[in-house]
Amino acid sequence: MRNDTAKPLGPEPTNRLVALVAYDGMAVFEFGIACEIFGGDWSGDLRVPWYDFSIYAASPSVTFDVGPRVETPSAPSALRDAGTVIVPPTDTPDRVPDQILDGLRAAHERGARLVSLCTGALVLAEAGLLDGRRVTTHWAECDVLAAKCPDIQVDPGVLYVDDGDILTSAGSAASIDLCIHVVRQDHGADVAARLARQLVTPPHRDGGQAQYIDTPWPASGASAFADTLAWAQEHLDEPITVEDLAGRSSMSERSFARHFAAATGTTPYRWLLGQRVQLAQRLLESSDLPIDAVADKSGFSTAANLRKHFGRIVRTSPYAYRQTFRSRTTTSPTSWTI
């Protein structure tokens, strides 16, 4: 059955007001990621109005985990009005000021979107906001988080978890994946892909952090593998089988599947499906092609097949997705201080 009446994706307008909380002992890498992605002046390069970004701290200055101290002028309204709150990681979540924890609780109560990076999930746990949630954090801290909050489901194998109004990322670099995911939610796949290109990072990485816990696939093999995946991305509108991919990698299907899982953390079928859905998203955003044509060009063959997989992965219909990202309006320009 056609499901074109599904609720369109897209954030509340207040979600464009982004506050990054800051406290002593926070990690400089993830702090920088949030500043670069949400506080950068991307409106010109990406041709869309960007976020209104600010930093909120309970004190006039804070010290990073690696030593440098930075001035953090901020007003209480930065956290009080934000629709999206970014929580950076720290090794000492029990030392985060009560003023920050109270602010996170208040933001959550009024419906703000909370985004924790790496062990920032432990700060959300300290604030008592994770009960009954599915979350993730750095794989080395997953047991710590699970012990701290017995009522939550900690997934150690993924790069990030989107649980609606609370989003959590895995280890450090996965913070980039989650931030780009947030941009994709707000601005669509095409803008997220162009931002990722500017940052020289993939717009979406399949698999999860489980691939980094075990011994990774040798770099020489991964290089040959990359050629096969690049070929597949250029031929998504054609029938592609695992046998085809294995043959291009000079492997048996069984060996290819094993190496693929070790290198990407997912199966060849799921990777290919994800690539086709991403292509369909871009076509829905940037063209007026009928749904049947989008299905054909993205390798799904039929509109019914596209709707089935698109709905399962993106959680809306192709029609509703197009309506959201072709008619979206945005408001305030970028502004932030530190």
C-alpha atoms as a PDB file:
ATOM      1  CA  MET A   1       0.000   0.000   0.000  1.00  0.00           C
ATOM      2  CA  ARG A   2       1.244   3.476  -0.829  1.00  0.00           C
ATOM      3  CA  ASN A   3       2.242   5.447   2.282  1.00  0.00           C
ATOM      4  CA  ASP A   4       2.519   8.990   0.962  1.00  0.00           C
ATOM      5  CA  THR A   5       0.603  10.348   3.950  1.00  0.00           C
ATOM      6  CA  ALA A   6       3.446   9.578   6.345  1.00  0.00           C
ATOM      7  CA  LYS A   7       4.503  12.457   8.569  1.00  0.00           C
ATOM      8  CA  PRO A   8       7.287  14.451   6.865  1.00  0.00           C
ATOM      9  CA  LEU A   9      10.733  14.481   8.382  1.00  0.00           C
ATOM     10  CA  GLY A  10      12.278  17.652   9.661  1.00  0.00           C
ATOM     11  CA  PRO A  11      13.169  19.482  12.840  1.00  0.00           C
ATOM     12  CA  GLU A  12      11.200  21.965  14.826  1.00  0.00           C
ATOM     13  CA  PRO A  13      12.396  25.502  13.997  1.00  0.00           C
ATOM     14  CA  THR A  14      13.953  25.850  17.457  1.00  0.00           C
ATOM     15  CA  ASN A  15      16.290  22.949  16.684  1.00  0.00           C
ATOM     16  CA  ARG A  16      18.294  25.391  14.569  1.00  0.00           C
ATOM     17  CA  LEU A  17      19.244  27.194  17.812  1.00  0.00           C
ATOM     18  CA  VAL A  18      22.252  25.123  18.896  1.00  0.00           C
ATOM     19  CA  ALA A  19      23.988  25.387  22.272  1.00  0.00           C
ATOM     20  CA  LEU A  20      27.232  23.562  23.040  1.00  0.00           C
ATOM     21  CA  VAL A  21      27.688  23.092  26.787  1.00  0.00           C
ATOM     22  CA  ALA A  22      31.233  23.489  28.094  1.00  0.00           C
ATOM     23  CA  TYR A  23      32.857  22.395  31.359  1.00  0.00           C
ATOM     24  CA  ASP A  24      36.281  21.617  32.817  1.00  0.00           C
ATOM     25  CA  GLY A  25      37.809  18.383  31.527  1.00  0.00           C
ATOM     26  CA  MET A  26      35.903  18.204  28.262  1.00  0.00           C
ATOM     27  CA  ALA A  27      37.648  16.760  25.204  1.00  0.00           C
ATOM     28  CA  VAL A  28      39.023  19.335  22.789  1.00  0.00           C
ATOM     29  CA  PHE A  29      38.548  17.123  19.679  1.00  0.00           C
ATOM     30  CA  GLU A  30      34.782  16.696  19.974  1.00  0.00           C
ATOM     31  CA  PHE A  31      34.388  20.293  21.150  1.00  0.00           C
ATOM     32  CA  GLY A  32      36.117  21.365  17.951  1.00  0.00           C
ATOM     33  CA  ILE A  33      33.911  19.104  15.820  1.00  0.00           C
ATOM     34  CA  ALA A  34      30.743  20.712  17.197  1.00  0.00           C
ATOM     35  CA  CYS A  35      32.173  24.213  16.693  1.00  0.00           C
ATOM     36  CA  GLU A  36      33.266  23.418  13.123  1.00  0.00           C
ATOM     37  CA  ILE A  37      30.005  21.816  11.996  1.00  0.00           C
ATOM     38  CA  PHE A  38      27.356  23.859  13.820  1.00  0.00           C
ATOM     39  CA  GLY A  39      29.301  27.065  14.394  1.00  0.00           C
ATOM     40  CA  GLY A  40      31.096  27.304  11.070  1.00  0.00           C
ATOM     41  CA  ASP A  41      29.952  29.788   8.442  1.00  0.00           C
ATOM     42  CA  TRP A  42      28.641  27.198   5.994  1.00  0.00           C
ATOM     43  CA  SER A  43      25.725  29.195   4.638  1.00  0.00           C
ATOM     44  CA  GLY A  44      27.762  30.457   1.666  1.00  0.00           C
ATOM     45  CA  ASP A  45      29.351  27.152   0.617  1.00  0.00           C
ATOM     46  CA  LEU A  46      26.177  25.128   1.153  1.00  0.00           C
ATOM     47  CA  ARG A  47      23.749  27.825   0.005  1.00  0.00           C
ATOM     48  CA  VAL A  48      21.413  27.461   2.985  1.00  0.00           C
ATOM     49  CA  PRO A  49      21.021  29.560   6.162  1.00  0.00           C
ATOM     50  CA  TRP A  50      22.973  27.778   8.881  1.00  0.00           C
ATOM     51  CA  TYR A  51      22.594  27.312  12.632  1.00  0.00           C
ATOM     52  CA  ASP A  52      22.505  30.006  15.295  1.00  0.00           C
ATOM     53  CA  PHE A  53      25.303  28.633  17.469  1.00  0.00           C
ATOM     54  CA  SER A  54      26.411  29.534  20.989  1.00  0.00           C
ATOM     55  CA  ILE A  55      28.450  28.057  23.831  1.00  0.00           C
ATOM     56  CA  TYR A  56      27.143  27.796  27.347  1.00  0.00           C
ATOM     57  CA  ALA A  57      29.308  27.320  30.438  1.00  0.00           C
ATOM     58  CA  ALA A  58      28.677  27.666  34.146  1.00  0.00           C
ATOM     59  CA  SER A  59      31.891  29.665  34.584  1.00  0.00           C
ATOM     60  CA  PRO A  60      33.695  32.429  32.632  1.00  0.00           C
ATOM     61  CA  SER A  61      36.364  29.968  31.450  1.00  0.00           C
ATOM     62  CA  VAL A  62      36.939  26.222  31.247  1.00  0.00           C
ATOM     63  CA  THR A  63      39.970  23.954  30.919  1.00  0.00           C
ATOM     64  CA  PHE A  64      40.156  21.233  28.255  1.00  0.00           C
ATOM     65  CA  ASP A  65      41.241  17.699  29.099  1.00  0.00           C
ATOM     66  CA  VAL A  66      44.636  18.349  27.488  1.00  0.00           C
ATOM     67  CA  GLY A  67      45.329  21.511  29.476  1.00  0.00           C
ATOM     68  CA  PRO A  68      44.511  24.734  27.561  1.00  0.00           C
ATOM     69  CA  ARG A  69      42.031  27.095  29.171  1.00  0.00           C
ATOM     70  CA  VAL A  70      39.519  29.029  27.089  1.00  0.00           C
ATOM     71  CA  GLU A  71      37.235  31.942  27.860  1.00  0.00           C
ATOM     72  CA  THR A  72      33.557  31.059  27.493  1.00  0.00           C
ATOM     73  CA  PRO A  73      31.350  34.130  27.694  1.00  0.00           C
ATOM     74  CA  SER A  74      27.724  33.041  27.546  1.00  0.00           C
ATOM     75  CA  ALA A  75      24.264  34.075  28.683  1.00  0.00           C
ATOM     76  CA  PRO A  76      21.771  31.783  30.442  1.00  0.00           C
ATOM     77  CA  SER A  77      19.490  32.186  27.415  1.00  0.00           C
ATOM     78  CA  ALA A  78      21.990  30.237  25.262  1.00  0.00           C
ATOM     79  CA  LEU A  79      20.929  26.993  26.939  1.00  0.00           C
ATOM     80  CA  ARG A  80      17.433  28.062  27.928  1.00  0.00           C
ATOM     81  CA  ASP A  81      16.367  28.830  24.335  1.00  0.00           C
ATOM     82  CA  ALA A  82      18.291  26.143  22.436  1.00  0.00           C
ATOM     83  CA  GLY A  83      16.385  23.504  20.517  1.00  0.00           C
ATOM     84  CA  THR A  84      19.532  21.393  20.072  1.00  0.00           C
ATOM     85  CA  VAL A  85      22.056  20.920  22.877  1.00  0.00           C
ATOM     86  CA  ILE A  86      25.467  19.347  22.204  1.00  0.00           C
ATOM     87  CA  VAL A  87      27.144  17.519  25.111  1.00  0.00           C
ATOM     88  CA  PRO A  88      30.921  16.937  24.712  1.00  0.00           C
ATOM     89  CA  PRO A  89      32.784  14.030  26.338  1.00  0.00           C
ATOM     90  CA  THR A  90      34.689  14.089  29.597  1.00  0.00           C
ATOM     91  CA  ASP A  91      36.499  11.536  31.750  1.00  0.00           C
ATOM     92  CA  THR A  92      34.963  13.120  34.850  1.00  0.00           C
ATOM     93  CA  PRO A  93      31.186  13.308  34.301  1.00  0.00           C
ATOM     94  CA  ASP A  94      30.659  13.381  38.076  1.00  0.00           C
ATOM     95  CA  ARG A  95      32.406  16.783  38.151  1.00  0.00           C
ATOM     96  CA  VAL A  96      30.163  18.475  35.612  1.00  0.00           C
ATOM     97  CA  PRO A  97      28.594  21.486  37.400  1.00  0.00           C
ATOM     98  CA  ASP A  98      25.055  21.082  38.725  1.00  0.00           C
ATOM     99  CA  GLN A  99      24.117  24.194  36.761  1.00  0.00           C
ATOM    100  CA  ILE A 100      24.900  22.319  33.519  1.00  0.00           C
ATOM    101  CA  LEU A 101      23.061  19.168  34.635  1.00  0.00           C
ATOM    102  CA  ASP A 102      20.024  21.205  35.669  1.00  0.00           C
ATOM    103  CA  GLY A 103      20.131  22.988  32.321  1.00  0.00           C
ATOM    104  CA  LEU A 104      20.185  19.668  30.449  1.00  0.00           C
ATOM    105  CA  ARG A 105      17.211  18.393  32.443  1.00  0.00           C
ATOM    106  CA  ALA A 106      15.275  21.585  31.764  1.00  0.00           C
ATOM    107  CA  ALA A 107      16.131  21.466  28.047  1.00  0.00           C
ATOM    108  CA  HIS A 108      14.973  17.860  27.811  1.00  0.00           C
ATOM    109  CA  GLU A 109      11.760  18.607  29.702  1.00  0.00           C
ATOM    110  CA  ARG A 110      10.794  21.342  27.237  1.00  0.00           C
ATOM    111  CA  GLY A 111      11.512  19.072  24.243  1.00  0.00           C
ATOM    112  CA  ALA A 112      15.001  20.068  23.122  1.00  0.00           C
ATOM    113  CA  ARG A 113      17.100  17.616  21.104  1.00  0.00           C
ATOM    114  CA  LEU A 114      20.109  16.431  23.164  1.00  0.00           C
ATOM    115  CA  VAL A 115      23.165  15.242  21.227  1.00  0.00           C
ATOM    116  CA  SER A 116      25.993  13.610  23.195  1.00  0.00           C
ATOM    117  CA  LEU A 117      29.395  13.022  21.628  1.00  0.00           C
ATOM    118  CA  CYS A 118      31.472  10.005  22.698  1.00  0.00           C
ATOM    119  CA  THR A 119      31.443   9.802  26.527  1.00  0.00           C
ATOM    120  CA  GLY A 120      29.088  12.759  26.691  1.00  0.00           C
ATOM    121  CA  ALA A 121      26.517   9.996  27.213  1.00  0.00           C
ATOM    122  CA  LEU A 122      27.935   9.608  30.721  1.00  0.00           C
ATOM    123  CA  VAL A 123      27.041  13.251  31.371  1.00  0.00           C
ATOM    124  CA  LEU A 124      23.463  12.577  30.251  1.00  0.00           C
ATOM    125  CA  ALA A 125      23.472   9.565  32.579  1.00  0.00           C
ATOM    126  CA  GLU A 126      24.706  11.806  35.411  1.00  0.00           C
ATOM    127  CA  ALA A 127      21.716  14.052  34.694  1.00  0.00           C
ATOM    128  CA  GLY A 128      19.388  11.033  34.885  1.00  0.00           C
ATOM    129  CA  LEU A 129      18.145  11.371  31.296  1.00  0.00           C
ATOM    130  CA  LEU A 130      18.866   7.934  29.847  1.00  0.00           C
ATOM    131  CA  ASP A 131      16.451   5.623  31.665  1.00  0.00           C
ATOM    132  CA  GLY A 132      14.768   3.240  29.236  1.00  0.00           C
ATOM    133  CA  ARG A 133      16.812   4.509  26.294  1.00  0.00           C
ATOM    134  CA  ARG A 134      18.895   2.788  23.636  1.00  0.00           C
ATOM    135  CA  VAL A 135      22.257   4.570  23.545  1.00  0.00           C
ATOM    136  CA  THR A 136      25.913   4.159  22.688  1.00  0.00           C
ATOM    137  CA  THR A 137      29.257   5.615  23.702  1.00  0.00           C
ATOM    138  CA  HIS A 138      32.928   4.797  23.146  1.00  0.00           C
ATOM    139  CA  TRP A 139      33.236   1.007  23.060  1.00  0.00           C
ATOM    140  CA  ALA A 140      35.725   1.055  25.955  1.00  0.00           C
ATOM    141  CA  GLU A 141      33.158   2.814  28.181  1.00  0.00           C
ATOM    142  CA  CYS A 142      30.036   0.851  27.232  1.00  0.00           C
ATOM    143  CA  ASP A 143      30.306  -1.463  30.239  1.00  0.00           C
ATOM    144  CA  VAL A 144      30.798   1.528  32.536  1.00  0.00           C
ATOM    145  CA  LEU A 145      27.672   3.203  31.152  1.00  0.00           C
ATOM    146  CA  ALA A 146      25.639  -0.014  31.378  1.00  0.00           C
ATOM    147  CA  ALA A 147      26.694  -0.500  35.014  1.00  0.00           C
ATOM    148  CA  LYS A 148      25.835   3.101  35.823  1.00  0.00           C
ATOM    149  CA  CYS A 149      22.377   2.839  34.234  1.00  0.00           C
ATOM    150  CA  PRO A 150      21.031  -0.747  34.431  1.00  0.00           C
ATOM    151  CA  ASP A 151      17.725   0.301  32.835  1.00  0.00           C
ATOM    152  CA  ILE A 152      19.206   1.385  29.497  1.00  0.00           C
ATOM    153  CA  GLN A 153      20.203  -0.585  26.406  1.00  0.00           C
ATOM    154  CA  VAL A 154      23.824   0.172  25.504  1.00  0.00           C
ATOM    155  CA  ASP A 155      24.762  -0.795  21.945  1.00  0.00           C
ATOM    156  CA  PRO A 156      28.576  -1.080  21.660  1.00  0.00           C
ATOM    157  CA  GLY A 157      28.591  -1.917  17.960  1.00  0.00           C
ATOM    158  CA  VAL A 158      27.152   1.181  16.282  1.00  0.00           C
ATOM    159  CA  LEU A 159      28.562   4.586  15.330  1.00  0.00           C
ATOM    160  CA  TYR A 160      25.588   6.452  16.752  1.00  0.00           C
ATOM    161  CA  VAL A 161      22.050   5.962  18.020  1.00  0.00           C
ATOM    162  CA  ASP A 162      19.175   8.269  17.134  1.00  0.00           C
ATOM    163  CA  ASP A 163      16.560   7.699  19.831  1.00  0.00           C
ATOM    164  CA  GLY A 164      14.411  10.653  18.871  1.00  0.00           C
ATOM    165  CA  ASP A 165      15.091  13.519  21.252  1.00  0.00           C
ATOM    166  CA  ILE A 166      18.308  11.975  22.595  1.00  0.00           C
ATOM    167  CA  LEU A 167      21.121  11.096  20.170  1.00  0.00           C
ATOM    168  CA  THR A 168      24.406   9.505  21.235  1.00  0.00           C
ATOM    169  CA  SER A 169      27.621   8.764  19.358  1.00  0.00           C
ATOM    170  CA  ALA A 170      30.375   6.205  19.746  1.00  0.00           C
ATOM    171  CA  GLY A 171      34.093   7.024  20.048  1.00  0.00           C
ATOM    172  CA  SER A 172      35.684  10.300  18.995  1.00  0.00           C
ATOM    173  CA  ALA A 173      35.515  10.188  15.179  1.00  0.00           C
ATOM    174  CA  ALA A 174      31.933   8.887  15.349  1.00  0.00           C
ATOM    175  CA  SER A 175      31.040  12.341  16.652  1.00  0.00           C
ATOM    176  CA  ILE A 176      31.480  13.552  13.083  1.00  0.00           C
ATOM    177  CA  ASP A 177      29.078  10.867  11.864  1.00  0.00           C
ATOM    178  CA  LEU A 178      26.424  11.908  14.373  1.00  0.00           C
ATOM    179  CA  CYS A 179      26.794  15.636  13.684  1.00  0.00           C
ATOM    180  CA  ILE A 180      26.453  15.029   9.941  1.00  0.00           C
ATOM    181  CA  HIS A 181      23.408  12.861  10.682  1.00  0.00           C
ATOM    182  CA  VAL A 182      21.854  15.824  12.520  1.00  0.00           C
ATOM    183  CA  VAL A 183      22.605  18.072   9.536  1.00  0.00           C
ATOM    184  CA  ARG A 184      21.036  15.442   7.265  1.00  0.00           C
ATOM    185  CA  GLN A 185      17.893  15.476   9.427  1.00  0.00           C
ATOM    186  CA  ASP A 186      17.663  19.247   9.293  1.00  0.00           C
ATOM    187  CA  HIS A 187      18.821  20.068   5.756  1.00  0.00           C
ATOM    188  CA  GLY A 188      18.551  16.835   3.773  1.00  0.00           C
ATOM    189  CA  ALA A 189      20.997  14.352   2.277  1.00  0.00           C
ATOM    190  CA  ASP A 190      22.319  16.662  -0.435  1.00  0.00           C
ATOM    191  CA  VAL A 191      23.410  19.404   1.981  1.00  0.00           C
ATOM    192  CA  ALA A 192      24.889  16.790   4.340  1.00  0.00           C
ATOM    193  CA  ALA A 193      26.833  15.252   1.460  1.00  0.00           C
ATOM    194  CA  ARG A 194      28.191  18.647   0.380  1.00  0.00           C
ATOM    195  CA  LEU A 195      29.192  19.445   3.962  1.00  0.00           C
ATOM    196  CA  ALA A 196      30.959  16.088   4.252  1.00  0.00           C
ATOM    197  CA  ARG A 197      32.803  16.827   1.005  1.00  0.00           C
ATOM    198  CA  GLN A 198      34.003  20.132   2.440  1.00  0.00           C
ATOM    199  CA  LEU A 199      35.145  18.331   5.602  1.00  0.00           C
ATOM    200  CA  VAL A 200      36.785  15.567   3.505  1.00  0.00           C
ATOM    201  CA  THR A 201      34.822  12.839   5.282  1.00  0.00           C
ATOM    202  CA  PRO A 202      32.214  10.299   4.119  1.00  0.00           C
ATOM    203  CA  PRO A 203      28.624  11.600   4.335  1.00  0.00           C
ATOM    204  CA  HIS A 204      27.639   8.261   5.827  1.00  0.00           C
ATOM    205  CA  ARG A 205      29.702   5.339   7.105  1.00  0.00           C
ATOM    206  CA  ASP A 206      28.085   1.926   7.101  1.00  0.00           C
ATOM    207  CA  GLY A 207      28.681  -0.469   9.947  1.00  0.00           C
ATOM    208  CA  GLY A 208      29.722   0.548  13.427  1.00  0.00           C
ATOM    209  CA  GLN A 209      32.535   0.808  15.922  1.00  0.00           C
ATOM    210  CA  ALA A 210      32.609  -2.965  16.396  1.00  0.00           C
ATOM    211  CA  GLN A 211      34.921  -3.134  13.414  1.00  0.00           C
ATOM    212  CA  TYR A 212      37.497  -1.145  15.406  1.00  0.00           C
ATOM    213  CA  ILE A 213      37.356  -3.343  18.489  1.00  0.00           C
ATOM    214  CA  ASP A 214      38.681  -6.343  16.619  1.00  0.00           C
ATOM    215  CA  THR A 215      41.737  -6.528  14.359  1.00  0.00           C
ATOM    216  CA  PRO A 216      40.978  -4.453  11.243  1.00  0.00           C
ATOM    217  CA  TRP A 217      41.362  -5.708   7.724  1.00  0.00           C
ATOM    218  CA  PRO A 218      44.874  -5.094   6.307  1.00  0.00           C
ATOM    219  CA  ALA A 219      45.211  -1.727   4.573  1.00  0.00           C
ATOM    220  CA  SER A 220      46.355  -3.222   1.266  1.00  0.00           C
ATOM    221  CA  GLY A 221      43.212  -5.330   1.060  1.00  0.00           C
ATOM    222  CA  ALA A 222      41.017  -2.398   2.044  1.00  0.00           C
ATOM    223  CA  SER A 223      42.486  -0.340  -0.801  1.00  0.00           C
ATOM    224  CA  ALA A 224      41.480  -2.922  -3.405  1.00  0.00           C
ATOM    225  CA  PHE A 225      38.109  -3.135  -1.716  1.00  0.00           C
ATOM    226  CA  ALA A 226      37.589   0.605  -2.055  1.00  0.00           C
ATOM    227  CA  ASP A 227      37.856   0.295  -5.844  1.00  0.00           C
ATOM    228  CA  THR A 228      35.028  -2.245  -5.848  1.00  0.00           C
ATOM    229  CA  LEU A 229      32.809  -0.025  -3.712  1.00  0.00           C
ATOM    230  CA  ALA A 230      33.552   3.001  -5.889  1.00  0.00           C
ATOM    231  CA  TRP A 231      32.520   0.973  -8.952  1.00  0.00           C
ATOM    232  CA  ALA A 232      29.295  -0.082  -7.232  1.00  0.00           C
ATOM    233  CA  GLN A 233      28.438   3.521  -6.357  1.00  0.00           C
ATOM    234  CA  GLU A 234      28.767   4.476 -10.024  1.00  0.00           C
ATOM    235  CA  HIS A 235      26.435   1.649 -11.129  1.00  0.00           C
ATOM    236  CA  LEU A 236      23.674   1.764  -8.529  1.00  0.00           C
ATOM    237  CA  ASP A 237      21.032   1.957 -11.257  1.00  0.00           C
ATOM    238  CA  GLU A 238      22.112  -1.460 -12.541  1.00  0.00           C
ATOM    239  CA  PRO A 239      21.479  -4.921 -11.077  1.00  0.00           C
ATOM    240  CA  ILE A 240      24.396  -5.696  -8.737  1.00  0.00           C
ATOM    241  CA  THR A 241      24.860  -8.958  -6.883  1.00  0.00           C
ATOM    242  CA  VAL A 242      27.278 -10.040  -4.184  1.00  0.00           C
ATOM    243  CA  GLU A 243      28.750 -12.321  -6.818  1.00  0.00           C
ATOM    244  CA  ASP A 244      29.470  -9.261  -8.983  1.00  0.00           C
ATOM    245  CA  LEU A 245      31.220  -7.465  -6.128  1.00  0.00           C
ATOM    246  CA  ALA A 246      33.190 -10.540  -5.137  1.00  0.00           C
ATOM    247  CA  GLY A 247      34.299 -11.077  -8.725  1.00  0.00           C
ATOM    248  CA  ARG A 248      35.556  -7.505  -9.034  1.00  0.00           C
ATOM    249  CA  SER A 249      37.543  -8.063  -5.829  1.00  0.00           C
ATOM    250  CA  SER A 250      38.936 -11.384  -7.131  1.00  0.00           C
ATOM    251  CA  MET A 251      37.412 -13.316  -4.227  1.00  0.00           C
ATOM    252  CA  SER A 252      34.890 -16.038  -3.651  1.00  0.00           C
ATOM    253  CA  GLU A 253      31.512 -14.840  -2.405  1.00  0.00           C
ATOM    254  CA  ARG A 254      32.136 -16.371   1.024  1.00  0.00           C
ATOM    255  CA  SER A 255      35.565 -14.798   1.401  1.00  0.00           C
ATOM    256  CA  PHE A 256      34.289 -11.456   0.106  1.00  0.00           C
ATOM    257  CA  ALA A 257      31.409 -11.412   2.606  1.00  0.00           C
ATOM    258  CA  ARG A 258      33.766 -12.199   5.487  1.00  0.00           C
ATOM    259  CA  HIS A 259      36.287  -9.509   4.533  1.00  0.00           C
ATOM    260  CA  PHE A 260      33.512  -7.019   3.831  1.00  0.00           C
ATOM    261  CA  ALA A 261      32.061  -7.439   7.325  1.00  0.00           C
ATOM    262  CA  ALA A 262      35.526  -7.072   8.870  1.00  0.00           C
ATOM    263  CA  ALA A 263      36.216  -3.870   6.919  1.00  0.00           C
ATOM    264  CA  THR A 264      32.826  -2.149   7.140  1.00  0.00           C
ATOM    265  CA  GLY A 265      30.911  -3.738   9.991  1.00  0.00           C
ATOM    266  CA  THR A 266      27.953  -4.584   7.759  1.00  0.00           C
ATOM    267  CA  THR A 267      26.958  -7.004   4.995  1.00  0.00           C
ATOM    268  CA  PRO A 268      27.343  -6.335   1.264  1.00  0.00           C
ATOM    269  CA  TYR A 269      23.555  -6.393   0.857  1.00  0.00           C
ATOM    270  CA  ARG A 270      22.926  -3.854   3.616  1.00  0.00           C
ATOM    271  CA  TRP A 271      25.710  -1.604   2.329  1.00  0.00           C
ATOM    272  CA  LEU A 272      24.300  -1.659  -1.202  1.00  0.00           C
ATOM    273  CA  LEU A 273      20.784  -0.992   0.090  1.00  0.00           C
ATOM    274  CA  GLY A 274      22.031   1.974   2.103  1.00  0.00           C
ATOM    275  CA  GLN A 275      23.843   3.437  -0.893  1.00  0.00           C
ATOM    276  CA  ARG A 276      20.698   3.165  -3.010  1.00  0.00           C
ATOM    277  CA  VAL A 277      18.546   4.827  -0.366  1.00  0.00           C
ATOM    278  CA  GLN A 278      21.058   7.704  -0.124  1.00  0.00           C
ATOM    279  CA  LEU A 279      20.968   8.128  -3.900  1.00  0.00           C
ATOM    280  CA  ALA A 280      17.167   8.137  -3.803  1.00  0.00           C
ATOM    281  CA  GLN A 281      17.271  10.840  -1.116  1.00  0.00           C
ATOM    282  CA  ARG A 282      19.481  13.052  -3.262  1.00  0.00           C
ATOM    283  CA  LEU A 283      17.260  12.564  -6.316  1.00  0.00           C
ATOM    284  CA  LEU A 284      14.122  13.359  -4.325  1.00  0.00           C
ATOM    285  CA  GLU A 285      15.721  16.565  -3.039  1.00  0.00           C
ATOM    286  CA  SER A 286      17.336  17.811  -6.222  1.00  0.00           C
ATOM    287  CA  SER A 287      15.051  16.682  -9.062  1.00  0.00           C
ATOM    288  CA  ASP A 288      11.410  16.595 -10.116  1.00  0.00           C
ATOM    289  CA  LEU A 289      11.641  13.000 -11.309  1.00  0.00           C
ATOM    290  CA  PRO A 290       8.521  10.900 -10.674  1.00  0.00           C
ATOM    291  CA  ILE A 291       8.857   8.348  -7.874  1.00  0.00           C
ATOM    292  CA  ASP A 292       8.972   5.547 -10.461  1.00  0.00           C
ATOM    293  CA  ALA A 293      11.966   7.200 -12.155  1.00  0.00           C
ATOM    294  CA  VAL A 294      13.722   7.754  -8.814  1.00  0.00           C
ATOM    295  CA  ALA A 295      13.224   4.067  -8.042  1.00  0.00           C
ATOM    296  CA  ASP A 296      14.699   3.093 -11.394  1.00  0.00           C
ATOM    297  CA  LYS A 297      17.729   5.403 -11.194  1.00  0.00           C
ATOM    298  CA  SER A 298      18.550   4.323  -7.632  1.00  0.00           C
ATOM    299  CA  GLY A 299      18.384   0.612  -8.462  1.00  0.00           C
ATOM    300  CA  PHE A 300      15.098  -0.292  -6.757  1.00  0.00           C
ATOM    301  CA  SER A 301      13.363  -1.036 -10.086  1.00  0.00           C
ATOM    302  CA  THR A 302       9.832  -0.285  -8.849  1.00  0.00           C
ATOM    303  CA  ALA A 303       8.226   2.447  -6.765  1.00  0.00           C
ATOM    304  CA  ALA A 304       6.809  -0.197  -4.431  1.00  0.00           C
ATOM    305  CA  ASN A 305      10.267  -1.587  -3.758  1.00  0.00           C
ATOM    306  CA  LEU A 306      11.627   1.918  -3.161  1.00  0.00           C
ATOM    307  CA  ARG A 307       8.820   2.764  -0.730  1.00  0.00           C
ATOM    308  CA  LYS A 308       9.373  -0.478   1.175  1.00  0.00           C
ATOM    309  CA  HIS A 309      13.096   0.017   1.798  1.00  0.00           C
ATOM    310  CA  PHE A 310      12.975   3.817   2.027  1.00  0.00           C
ATOM    311  CA  GLY A 311      10.263   3.659   4.666  1.00  0.00           C
ATOM    312  CA  ARG A 312      12.151   1.101   6.742  1.00  0.00           C
ATOM    313  CA  ILE A 313      15.455   3.009   6.677  1.00  0.00           C
ATOM    314  CA  VAL A 314      14.393   6.677   6.544  1.00  0.00           C
ATOM    315  CA  ARG A 315      11.098   6.153   8.426  1.00  0.00           C
ATOM    316  CA  THR A 316       8.961   8.128   6.027  1.00  0.00           C
ATOM    317  CA  SER A 317       7.707   7.791   2.466  1.00  0.00           C
ATOM    318  CA  PRO A 318       9.617   9.086  -0.585  1.00  0.00           C
ATOM    319  CA  TYR A 319       6.768  11.527  -1.265  1.00  0.00           C
ATOM    320  CA  ALA A 320       6.767  12.929   2.285  1.00  0.00           C
ATOM    321  CA  TYR A 321      10.560  13.176   2.240  1.00  0.00           C
ATOM    322  CA  ARG A 322      10.482  15.187  -0.994  1.00  0.00           C
ATOM    323  CA  GLN A 323       7.780  17.491   0.352  1.00  0.00           C
ATOM    324  CA  THR A 324       9.847  18.172   3.463  1.00  0.00           C
ATOM    325  CA  PHE A 325      13.168  18.926   1.820  1.00  0.00           C
ATOM    326  CA  ARG A 326      11.880  20.678  -1.297  1.00  0.00           C
ATOM    327  CA  SER A 327       9.684  23.136   0.601  1.00  0.00           C
ATOM    328  CA  ARG A 328      11.697  23.714   3.758  1.00  0.00           C
ATOM    329  CA  THR A 329      12.319  27.265   4.907  1.00  0.00           C
ATOM    330  CA  THR A 330      15.007  28.280   7.345  1.00  0.00           C
ATOM    331  CA  THR A 331      15.506  31.338   9.461  1.00  0.00           C
ATOM    332  CA  SER A 332      18.339  32.828  11.463  1.00  0.00           C
ATOM    333  CA  PRO A 333      21.948  33.326  10.307  1.00  0.00           C
ATOM    334  CA  THR A 334      24.990  31.891  12.042  1.00  0.00           C
ATOM    335  CA  SER A 335      26.298  33.619  15.134  1.00  0.00           C
ATOM    336  CA  TRP A 336      28.546  32.363  17.890  1.00  0.00           C
ATOM    337  CA  THR A 337      31.174  33.528  20.331  1.00  0.00           C
ATOM    338  CA  ILE A 338      33.855  31.947  22.440  1.00  0.00           C
END
